[in-house]
């Protein structure tokens, strides 16, 4: 249910906004991958 809600929101954004956000989302993902390796 939450995933479908997130998908509904994601559908509202045009592709030009996704393109502008792509580098920042990639950096966010890299940061989360670093964070998951931190002990504790």
ModelCIF file with pLDDT and N, C-alpha, C, O atoms, coordinates in Angstrom:
data_MODEL
#
_entry.id   MODEL 
#
_entity.id                         1 
_entity.type                       polymer 
_entity.pdbx_number_of_molecules   1 
#
_entity_poly.entity_id                      1 
_entity_poly.type                           'polypeptide(L)' 
_entity_poly.nstd_linkage                   no 
_entity_poly.nstd_monomer                   no 
_entity_poly.pdbx_seq_one_letter_code       
;(UNK)(UNK)(UNK)(UNK)(UNK)(UNK)(UNK)(UNK)(UNK)(UNK)(UNK)(UNK)(UNK)(UNK)(UNK)(UNK)
(UNK)(UNK)(UNK)(UNK)(UNK)(UNK)(UNK)(UNK)(UNK)(UNK)(UNK)(UNK)(UNK)(UNK)(UNK)(UNK)
(UNK)(UNK)(UNK)(UNK)(UNK)(UNK)(UNK)(UNK)
;
_entity_poly.pdbx_seq_one_letter_code_can   XXXXXXXXXXXXXXXXXXXXXXXXXXXXXXXXXXXXXXXX 
_entity_poly.pdbx_strand_id                 A 
#
loop_
_entity_poly_seq.entity_id 
_entity_poly_seq.num 
_entity_poly_seq.mon_id 
_entity_poly_seq.hetero 
1 1  UNK n 
1 2  UNK n 
1 3  UNK n 
1 4  UNK n 
1 5  UNK n 
1 6  UNK n 
1 7  UNK n 
1 8  UNK n 
1 9  UNK n 
1 10 UNK n 
1 11 UNK n 
1 12 UNK n 
1 13 UNK n 
1 14 UNK n 
1 15 UNK n 
1 16 UNK n 
1 17 UNK n 
1 18 UNK n 
1 19 UNK n 
1 20 UNK n 
1 21 UNK n 
1 22 UNK n 
1 23 UNK n 
1 24 UNK n 
1 25 UNK n 
1 26 UNK n 
1 27 UNK n 
1 28 UNK n 
1 29 UNK n 
1 30 UNK n 
1 31 UNK n 
1 32 UNK n 
1 33 UNK n 
1 34 UNK n 
1 35 UNK n 
1 36 UNK n 
1 37 UNK n 
1 38 UNK n 
1 39 UNK n 
1 40 UNK n 
#
_struct_asym.id          A 
_struct_asym.entity_id   1 
#
loop_
_ma_qa_metric.id 
_ma_qa_metric.mode 
_ma_qa_metric.name 
_ma_qa_metric.software_group_id 
_ma_qa_metric.type 
1 global pLDDT . pLDDT 
2 local  pLDDT . pLDDT 
#
_ma_qa_metric_global.metric_id      1 
_ma_qa_metric_global.metric_value   94.95 
_ma_qa_metric_global.model_id       1 
_ma_qa_metric_global.ordinal_id     1 
#
loop_
_ma_qa_metric_local.label_asym_id 
_ma_qa_metric_local.label_comp_id 
_ma_qa_metric_local.label_seq_id 
_ma_qa_metric_local.metric_id 
_ma_qa_metric_local.metric_value 
_ma_qa_metric_local.model_id 
_ma_qa_metric_local.ordinal_id 
A UNK 1  2 96.00 1 1  
A UNK 2  2 96.00 1 2  
A UNK 3  2 96.00 1 3  
A UNK 4  2 97.00 1 4  
A UNK 5  2 97.00 1 5  
A UNK 6  2 96.00 1 6  
A UNK 7  2 97.00 1 7  
A UNK 8  2 97.00 1 8  
A UNK 9  2 97.00 1 9  
A UNK 10 2 97.00 1 10 
A UNK 11 2 97.00 1 11 
A UNK 12 2 96.00 1 12 
A UNK 13 2 97.00 1 13 
A UNK 14 2 96.00 1 14 
A UNK 15 2 96.00 1 15 
A UNK 16 2 96.00 1 16 
A UNK 17 2 97.00 1 17 
A UNK 18 2 97.00 1 18 
A UNK 19 2 97.00 1 19 
A UNK 20 2 97.00 1 20 
A UNK 21 2 97.00 1 21 
A UNK 22 2 97.00 1 22 
A UNK 23 2 96.00 1 23 
A UNK 24 2 97.00 1 24 
A UNK 25 2 97.00 1 25 
A UNK 26 2 97.00 1 26 
A UNK 27 2 96.00 1 27 
A UNK 28 2 96.00 1 28 
A UNK 29 2 95.00 1 29 
A UNK 30 2 95.00 1 30 
A UNK 31 2 95.00 1 31 
A UNK 32 2 94.00 1 32 
A UNK 33 2 94.00 1 33 
A UNK 34 2 93.00 1 34 
A UNK 35 2 93.00 1 35 
A UNK 36 2 92.00 1 36 
A UNK 37 2 90.00 1 37 
A UNK 38 2 88.00 1 38 
A UNK 39 2 84.00 1 39 
A UNK 40 2 80.00 1 40 
#
loop_
_atom_site.group_PDB 
_atom_site.id 
_atom_site.type_symbol 
_atom_site.label_atom_id 
_atom_site.label_alt_id 
_atom_site.label_comp_id 
_atom_site.label_asym_id 
_atom_site.label_entity_id 
_atom_site.label_seq_id 
_atom_site.pdbx_PDB_ins_code 
_atom_site.Cartn_x 
_atom_site.Cartn_y 
_atom_site.Cartn_z 
_atom_site.occupancy 
_atom_site.B_iso_or_equiv 
_atom_site.pdbx_formal_charge 
_atom_site.auth_seq_id 
_atom_site.auth_comp_id 
_atom_site.auth_asym_id 
_atom_site.auth_atom_id 
_atom_site.pdbx_PDB_model_num 
ATOM 1   N N  . UNK A 1 1  ? 0.831  -1.208 0.000   1.00 96.00 ? 1  UNK A N  1 
ATOM 2   C CA . UNK A 1 1  ? 0.000  0.000  0.000   1.00 96.00 ? 1  UNK A CA 1 
ATOM 3   C C  . UNK A 1 1  ? 0.867  1.260  0.000   1.00 96.00 ? 1  UNK A C  1 
ATOM 4   O O  . UNK A 1 1  ? 0.606  2.199  -0.752  1.00 96.00 ? 1  UNK A O  1 
ATOM 5   N N  . UNK A 1 2  ? 1.910  1.276  0.854   1.00 96.00 ? 2  UNK A N  1 
ATOM 6   C CA . UNK A 1 2  ? 2.803  2.433  0.896   1.00 96.00 ? 2  UNK A CA 1 
ATOM 7   C C  . UNK A 1 2  ? 3.569  2.590  -0.418  1.00 96.00 ? 2  UNK A C  1 
ATOM 8   O O  . UNK A 1 2  ? 3.789  3.707  -0.886  1.00 96.00 ? 2  UNK A O  1 
ATOM 9   N N  . UNK A 1 3  ? 3.970  1.467  -1.006  1.00 96.00 ? 3  UNK A N  1 
ATOM 10  C CA . UNK A 1 3  ? 4.710  1.509  -2.274  1.00 96.00 ? 3  UNK A CA 1 
ATOM 11  C C  . UNK A 1 3  ? 3.845  2.083  -3.395  1.00 96.00 ? 3  UNK A C  1 
ATOM 12  O O  . UNK A 1 3  ? 4.328  2.861  -4.217  1.00 96.00 ? 3  UNK A O  1 
ATOM 13  N N  . UNK A 1 4  ? 2.573  1.701  -3.427  1.00 97.00 ? 4  UNK A N  1 
ATOM 14  C CA . UNK A 1 4  ? 1.664  2.239  -4.434  1.00 97.00 ? 4  UNK A CA 1 
ATOM 15  C C  . UNK A 1 4  ? 1.430  3.731  -4.217  1.00 97.00 ? 4  UNK A C  1 
ATOM 16  O O  . UNK A 1 4  ? 1.262  4.486  -5.175  1.00 97.00 ? 4  UNK A O  1 
ATOM 17  N N  . UNK A 1 5  ? 1.419  4.153  -2.946  1.00 97.00 ? 5  UNK A N  1 
ATOM 18  C CA . UNK A 1 5  ? 1.294  5.583  -2.650  1.00 97.00 ? 5  UNK A CA 1 
ATOM 19  C C  . UNK A 1 5  ? 2.521  6.349  -3.140  1.00 97.00 ? 5  UNK A C  1 
ATOM 20  O O  . UNK A 1 5  ? 2.402  7.414  -3.745  1.00 97.00 ? 5  UNK A O  1 
ATOM 21  N N  . UNK A 1 6  ? 3.709  5.785  -2.867  1.00 96.00 ? 6  UNK A N  1 
ATOM 22  C CA . UNK A 1 6  ? 4.958  6.406  -3.342  1.00 96.00 ? 6  UNK A CA 1 
ATOM 23  C C  . UNK A 1 6  ? 4.978  6.438  -4.873  1.00 96.00 ? 6  UNK A C  1 
ATOM 24  O O  . UNK A 1 6  ? 5.409  7.425  -5.471  1.00 96.00 ? 6  UNK A O  1 
ATOM 25  N N  . UNK A 1 7  ? 4.515  5.366  -5.498  1.00 97.00 ? 7  UNK A N  1 
ATOM 26  C CA . UNK A 1 7  ? 4.482  5.310  -6.963  1.00 97.00 ? 7  UNK A CA 1 
ATOM 27  C C  . UNK A 1 7  ? 3.545  6.366  -7.537  1.00 97.00 ? 7  UNK A C  1 
ATOM 28  O O  . UNK A 1 7  ? 3.847  6.979  -8.561  1.00 97.00 ? 7  UNK A O  1 
ATOM 29  N N  . UNK A 1 8  ? 2.406  6.578  -6.876  1.00 97.00 ? 8  UNK A N  1 
ATOM 30  C CA . UNK A 1 8  ? 1.463  7.602  -7.329  1.00 97.00 ? 8  UNK A CA 1 
ATOM 31  C C  . UNK A 1 8  ? 2.094  8.988  -7.281  1.00 97.00 ? 8  UNK A C  1 
ATOM 32  O O  . UNK A 1 8  ? 1.907  9.798  -8.190  1.00 97.00 ? 8  UNK A O  1 
ATOM 33  N N  . UNK A 1 9  ? 2.839  9.252  -6.216  1.00 97.00 ? 9  UNK A N  1 
ATOM 34  C CA . UNK A 1 9  ? 3.542  10.537 -6.093  1.00 97.00 ? 9  UNK A CA 1 
ATOM 35  C C  . UNK A 1 9  ? 4.632  10.653 -7.155  1.00 97.00 ? 9  UNK A C  1 
ATOM 36  O O  . UNK A 1 9  ? 4.788  11.702 -7.779  1.00 97.00 ? 9  UNK A O  1 
ATOM 37  N N  . UNK A 1 10 ? 5.387  9.572  -7.358  1.00 97.00 ? 10 UNK A N  1 
ATOM 38  C CA . UNK A 1 10 ? 6.485  9.589  -8.344  1.00 97.00 ? 10 UNK A CA 1 
ATOM 39  C C  . UNK A 1 10 ? 5.962  9.857  -9.748  1.00 97.00 ? 10 UNK A C  1 
ATOM 40  O O  . UNK A 1 10 ? 6.632  10.509 -10.548 1.00 97.00 ? 10 UNK A O  1 
ATOM 41  N N  . UNK A 1 11 ? 4.767  9.356  -10.049 1.00 97.00 ? 11 UNK A N  1 
ATOM 42  C CA . UNK A 1 11 ? 4.183  9.552  -11.376 1.00 97.00 ? 11 UNK A CA 1 
ATOM 43  C C  . UNK A 1 11 ? 3.899  11.022 -11.667 1.00 97.00 ? 11 UNK A C  1 
ATOM 44  O O  . UNK A 1 11 ? 3.865  11.426 -12.829 1.00 97.00 ? 11 UNK A O  1 
ATOM 45  N N  . UNK A 1 12 ? 3.695  11.823 -10.629 1.00 96.00 ? 12 UNK A N  1 
ATOM 46  C CA . UNK A 1 12 ? 3.327  13.226 -10.819 1.00 96.00 ? 12 UNK A CA 1 
ATOM 47  C C  . UNK A 1 12 ? 4.486  14.080 -11.313 1.00 96.00 ? 12 UNK A C  1 
ATOM 48  O O  . UNK A 1 12 ? 4.260  15.160 -11.860 1.00 96.00 ? 12 UNK A O  1 
ATOM 49  N N  . UNK A 1 13 ? 5.716  13.624 -11.133 1.00 97.00 ? 13 UNK A N  1 
ATOM 50  C CA . UNK A 1 13 ? 6.880  14.436 -11.498 1.00 97.00 ? 13 UNK A CA 1 
ATOM 51  C C  . UNK A 1 13 ? 7.259  14.187 -12.957 1.00 97.00 ? 13 UNK A C  1 
ATOM 52  O O  . UNK A 1 13 ? 7.433  13.036 -13.359 1.00 97.00 ? 13 UNK A O  1 
ATOM 53  N N  . UNK A 1 14 ? 7.389  15.243 -13.751 1.00 96.00 ? 14 UNK A N  1 
ATOM 54  C CA . UNK A 1 14 ? 7.811  15.060 -15.150 1.00 96.00 ? 14 UNK A CA 1 
ATOM 55  C C  . UNK A 1 14 ? 9.244  14.553 -15.229 1.00 96.00 ? 14 UNK A C  1 
ATOM 56  O O  . UNK A 1 14 ? 10.010 14.686 -14.275 1.00 96.00 ? 14 UNK A O  1 
ATOM 57  N N  . UNK A 1 15 ? 9.603  13.972 -16.369 1.00 96.00 ? 15 UNK A N  1 
ATOM 58  C CA . UNK A 1 15 ? 10.927 13.376 -16.524 1.00 96.00 ? 15 UNK A CA 1 
ATOM 59  C C  . UNK A 1 15 ? 12.042 14.403 -16.473 1.00 96.00 ? 15 UNK A C  1 
ATOM 60  O O  . UNK A 1 15 ? 13.170 14.068 -16.111 1.00 96.00 ? 15 UNK A O  1 
ATOM 61  N N  . UNK A 1 16 ? 11.748 15.652 -16.831 1.00 96.00 ? 16 UNK A N  1 
ATOM 62  C CA . UNK A 1 16 ? 12.803 16.675 -16.755 1.00 96.00 ? 16 UNK A CA 1 
ATOM 63  C C  . UNK A 1 16 ? 13.232 16.916 -15.312 1.00 96.00 ? 16 UNK A C  1 
ATOM 64  O O  . UNK A 1 16 ? 14.398 17.215 -15.053 1.00 96.00 ? 16 UNK A O  1 
ATOM 65  N N  . UNK A 1 17 ? 12.290 16.788 -14.363 1.00 97.00 ? 17 UNK A N  1 
ATOM 66  C CA . UNK A 1 17 ? 12.649 16.936 -12.955 1.00 97.00 ? 17 UNK A CA 1 
ATOM 67  C C  . UNK A 1 17 ? 13.453 15.737 -12.462 1.00 97.00 ? 17 UNK A C  1 
ATOM 68  O O  . UNK A 1 17 ? 14.390 15.894 -11.679 1.00 97.00 ? 17 UNK A O  1 
ATOM 69  N N  . UNK A 1 18 ? 13.088 14.541 -12.920 1.00 97.00 ? 18 UNK A N  1 
ATOM 70  C CA . UNK A 1 18 ? 13.863 13.349 -12.564 1.00 97.00 ? 18 UNK A CA 1 
ATOM 71  C C  . UNK A 1 18 ? 15.282 13.471 -13.105 1.00 97.00 ? 18 UNK A C  1 
ATOM 72  O O  . UNK A 1 18 ? 16.235 13.057 -12.444 1.00 97.00 ? 18 UNK A O  1 
ATOM 73  N N  . UNK A 1 19 ? 15.432 14.039 -14.306 1.00 97.00 ? 19 UNK A N  1 
ATOM 74  C CA . UNK A 1 19 ? 16.771 14.211 -14.876 1.00 97.00 ? 19 UNK A CA 1 
ATOM 75  C C  . UNK A 1 19 ? 17.589 15.201 -14.055 1.00 97.00 ? 19 UNK A C  1 
ATOM 76  O O  . UNK A 1 19 ? 18.777 14.981 -13.819 1.00 97.00 ? 19 UNK A O  1 
ATOM 77  N N  . UNK A 1 20 ? 16.956 16.291 -13.620 1.00 97.00 ? 20 UNK A N  1 
ATOM 78  C CA . UNK A 1 20 ? 17.662 17.272 -12.796 1.00 97.00 ? 20 UNK A CA 1 
ATOM 79  C C  . UNK A 1 20 ? 18.067 16.688 -11.446 1.00 97.00 ? 20 UNK A C  1 
ATOM 80  O O  . UNK A 1 20 ? 19.122 17.023 -10.906 1.00 97.00 ? 20 UNK A O  1 
ATOM 81  N N  . UNK A 1 21 ? 17.225 15.816 -10.908 1.00 97.00 ? 21 UNK A N  1 
ATOM 82  C CA . UNK A 1 21 ? 17.480 15.245 -9.581  1.00 97.00 ? 21 UNK A CA 1 
ATOM 83  C C  . UNK A 1 21 ? 18.393 14.033 -9.617  1.00 97.00 ? 21 UNK A C  1 
ATOM 84  O O  . UNK A 1 21 ? 18.878 13.607 -8.569  1.00 97.00 ? 21 UNK A O  1 
ATOM 85  N N  . UNK A 1 22 ? 18.646 13.458 -10.802 1.00 97.00 ? 22 UNK A N  1 
ATOM 86  C CA . UNK A 1 22 ? 19.379 12.188 -10.915 1.00 97.00 ? 22 UNK A CA 1 
ATOM 87  C C  . UNK A 1 22 ? 20.735 12.199 -10.202 1.00 97.00 ? 22 UNK A C  1 
ATOM 88  O O  . UNK A 1 22 ? 21.004 11.274 -9.436  1.00 97.00 ? 22 UNK A O  1 
ATOM 89  N N  . UNK A 1 23 ? 21.618 13.214 -10.415 1.00 96.00 ? 23 UNK A N  1 
ATOM 90  C CA . UNK A 1 23 ? 22.917 13.190 -9.722  1.00 96.00 ? 23 UNK A CA 1 
ATOM 91  C C  . UNK A 1 23 ? 22.780 13.258 -8.202  1.00 96.00 ? 23 UNK A C  1 
ATOM 92  O O  . UNK A 1 23 ? 23.551 12.629 -7.478  1.00 96.00 ? 23 UNK A O  1 
ATOM 93  N N  . UNK A 1 24 ? 21.795 14.025 -7.720  1.00 97.00 ? 24 UNK A N  1 
ATOM 94  C CA . UNK A 1 24 ? 21.605 14.172 -6.270  1.00 97.00 ? 24 UNK A CA 1 
ATOM 95  C C  . UNK A 1 24 ? 21.041 12.889 -5.654  1.00 97.00 ? 24 UNK A C  1 
ATOM 96  O O  . UNK A 1 24 ? 21.420 12.508 -4.546  1.00 97.00 ? 24 UNK A O  1 
ATOM 97  N N  . UNK A 1 25 ? 20.144 12.234 -6.371  1.00 97.00 ? 25 UNK A N  1 
ATOM 98  C CA . UNK A 1 25 ? 19.617 10.954 -5.895  1.00 97.00 ? 25 UNK A CA 1 
ATOM 99  C C  . UNK A 1 25 ? 20.715 9.900  -5.853  1.00 97.00 ? 25 UNK A C  1 
ATOM 100 O O  . UNK A 1 25 ? 20.764 9.074  -4.942  1.00 97.00 ? 25 UNK A O  1 
ATOM 101 N N  . UNK A 1 26 ? 21.598 9.938  -6.856  1.00 97.00 ? 26 UNK A N  1 
ATOM 102 C CA . UNK A 1 26 ? 22.711 8.984  -6.889  1.00 97.00 ? 26 UNK A CA 1 
ATOM 103 C C  . UNK A 1 26 ? 23.653 9.206  -5.701  1.00 97.00 ? 26 UNK A C  1 
ATOM 104 O O  . UNK A 1 26 ? 24.119 8.249  -5.082  1.00 97.00 ? 26 UNK A O  1 
ATOM 105 N N  . UNK A 1 27 ? 23.928 10.479 -5.391  1.00 96.00 ? 27 UNK A N  1 
ATOM 106 C CA . UNK A 1 27 ? 24.762 10.800 -4.217  1.00 96.00 ? 27 UNK A CA 1 
ATOM 107 C C  . UNK A 1 27 ? 24.065 10.365 -2.932  1.00 96.00 ? 27 UNK A C  1 
ATOM 108 O O  . UNK A 1 27 ? 24.715 9.871  -2.011  1.00 96.00 ? 27 UNK A O  1 
ATOM 109 N N  . UNK A 1 28 ? 22.744 10.548 -2.866  1.00 96.00 ? 28 UNK A N  1 
ATOM 110 C CA . UNK A 1 28 ? 21.981 10.094 -1.696  1.00 96.00 ? 28 UNK A CA 1 
ATOM 111 C C  . UNK A 1 28 ? 22.108 8.587  -1.527  1.00 96.00 ? 28 UNK A C  1 
ATOM 112 O O  . UNK A 1 28 ? 22.325 8.099  -0.418  1.00 96.00 ? 28 UNK A O  1 
ATOM 113 N N  . UNK A 1 29 ? 21.973 7.847  -2.629  1.00 95.00 ? 29 UNK A N  1 
ATOM 114 C CA . UNK A 1 29 ? 22.111 6.399  -2.571  1.00 95.00 ? 29 UNK A CA 1 
ATOM 115 C C  . UNK A 1 29 ? 23.495 5.973  -2.121  1.00 95.00 ? 29 UNK A C  1 
ATOM 116 O O  . UNK A 1 29 ? 23.636 5.046  -1.323  1.00 95.00 ? 29 UNK A O  1 
ATOM 117 N N  . UNK A 1 30 ? 24.539 6.661  -2.639  1.00 95.00 ? 30 UNK A N  1 
ATOM 118 C CA . UNK A 1 30 ? 25.912 6.350  -2.232  1.00 95.00 ? 30 UNK A CA 1 
ATOM 119 C C  . UNK A 1 30 ? 26.100 6.629  -0.747  1.00 95.00 ? 30 UNK A C  1 
ATOM 120 O O  . UNK A 1 30 ? 26.761 5.862  -0.048  1.00 95.00 ? 30 UNK A O  1 
ATOM 121 N N  . UNK A 1 31 ? 25.518 7.732  -0.262  1.00 95.00 ? 31 UNK A N  1 
ATOM 122 C CA . UNK A 1 31 ? 25.616 8.055  1.164   1.00 95.00 ? 31 UNK A CA 1 
ATOM 123 C C  . UNK A 1 31 ? 24.956 7.010  2.041   1.00 95.00 ? 31 UNK A C  1 
ATOM 124 O O  . UNK A 1 31 ? 25.472 6.669  3.106   1.00 95.00 ? 31 UNK A O  1 
ATOM 125 N N  . UNK A 1 32 ? 23.807 6.497  1.595   1.00 94.00 ? 32 UNK A N  1 
ATOM 126 C CA . UNK A 1 32 ? 23.117 5.446  2.358   1.00 94.00 ? 32 UNK A CA 1 
ATOM 127 C C  . UNK A 1 32 ? 23.924 4.150  2.365   1.00 94.00 ? 32 UNK A C  1 
ATOM 128 O O  . UNK A 1 32 ? 23.936 3.431  3.364   1.00 94.00 ? 32 UNK A O  1 
ATOM 129 N N  . UNK A 1 33 ? 24.602 3.848  1.248   1.00 94.00 ? 33 UNK A N  1 
ATOM 130 C CA . UNK A 1 33 ? 25.443 2.645  1.192   1.00 94.00 ? 33 UNK A CA 1 
ATOM 131 C C  . UNK A 1 33 ? 26.637 2.767  2.141   1.00 94.00 ? 33 UNK A C  1 
ATOM 132 O O  . UNK A 1 33 ? 27.065 1.777  2.733   1.00 94.00 ? 33 UNK A O  1 
ATOM 133 N N  . UNK A 1 34 ? 27.172 3.983  2.284   1.00 93.00 ? 34 UNK A N  1 
ATOM 134 C CA . UNK A 1 34 ? 28.255 4.205  3.251   1.00 93.00 ? 34 UNK A CA 1 
ATOM 135 C C  . UNK A 1 34 ? 27.713 4.076  4.669   1.00 93.00 ? 34 UNK A C  1 
ATOM 136 O O  . UNK A 1 34 ? 28.339 3.459  5.531   1.00 93.00 ? 34 UNK A O  1 
ATOM 137 N N  . UNK A 1 35 ? 26.538 4.666  4.901   1.00 93.00 ? 35 UNK A N  1 
ATOM 138 C CA . UNK A 1 35 ? 25.952 4.667  6.240   1.00 93.00 ? 35 UNK A CA 1 
ATOM 139 C C  . UNK A 1 35 ? 25.649 3.254  6.728   1.00 93.00 ? 35 UNK A C  1 
ATOM 140 O O  . UNK A 1 35 ? 25.800 2.963  7.915   1.00 93.00 ? 35 UNK A O  1 
ATOM 141 N N  . UNK A 1 36 ? 25.221 2.371  5.818   1.00 92.00 ? 36 UNK A N  1 
ATOM 142 C CA . UNK A 1 36 ? 24.844 1.018  6.216   1.00 92.00 ? 36 UNK A CA 1 
ATOM 143 C C  . UNK A 1 36 ? 26.062 0.211  6.678   1.00 92.00 ? 36 UNK A C  1 
ATOM 144 O O  . UNK A 1 36 ? 25.914 -0.795 7.371   1.00 92.00 ? 36 UNK A O  1 
ATOM 145 N N  . UNK A 1 37 ? 27.270 0.654  6.293   1.00 90.00 ? 37 UNK A N  1 
ATOM 146 C CA . UNK A 1 37 ? 28.486 -0.053 6.683   1.00 90.00 ? 37 UNK A CA 1 
ATOM 147 C C  . UNK A 1 37 ? 29.055 0.439  8.005   1.00 90.00 ? 37 UNK A C  1 
ATOM 148 O O  . UNK A 1 37 ? 29.991 -0.158 8.536   1.00 90.00 ? 37 UNK A O  1 
ATOM 149 N N  . UNK A 1 38 ? 28.501 1.520  8.542   1.00 88.00 ? 38 UNK A N  1 
ATOM 150 C CA . UNK A 1 38 ? 28.985 2.064  9.812   1.00 88.00 ? 38 UNK A CA 1 
ATOM 151 C C  . UNK A 1 38 ? 28.577 1.137  10.950  1.00 88.00 ? 38 UNK A C  1 
ATOM 152 O O  . UNK A 1 38 ? 27.392 0.838  11.096  1.00 88.00 ? 38 UNK A O  1 
ATOM 153 N N  . UNK A 1 39 ? 29.530 0.673  11.764  1.00 84.00 ? 39 UNK A N  1 
ATOM 154 C CA . UNK A 1 39 ? 29.190 -0.219 12.883  1.00 84.00 ? 39 UNK A CA 1 
ATOM 155 C C  . UNK A 1 39 ? 28.195 0.443  13.835  1.00 84.00 ? 39 UNK A C  1 
ATOM 156 O O  . UNK A 1 39 ? 28.351 1.603  14.217  1.00 84.00 ? 39 UNK A O  1 
ATOM 157 N N  . UNK A 1 40 ? 27.178 -0.316 14.204  1.00 80.00 ? 40 UNK A N  1 
ATOM 158 C CA . UNK A 1 40 ? 26.161 0.210  15.098  1.00 80.00 ? 40 UNK A CA 1 
ATOM 159 C C  . UNK A 1 40 ? 25.013 0.902  14.395  1.00 80.00 ? 40 UNK A C  1 
ATOM 160 O O  . UNK A 1 40 ? 24.090 1.387  15.049  1.00 80.00 ? 40 UNK A O  1 
#
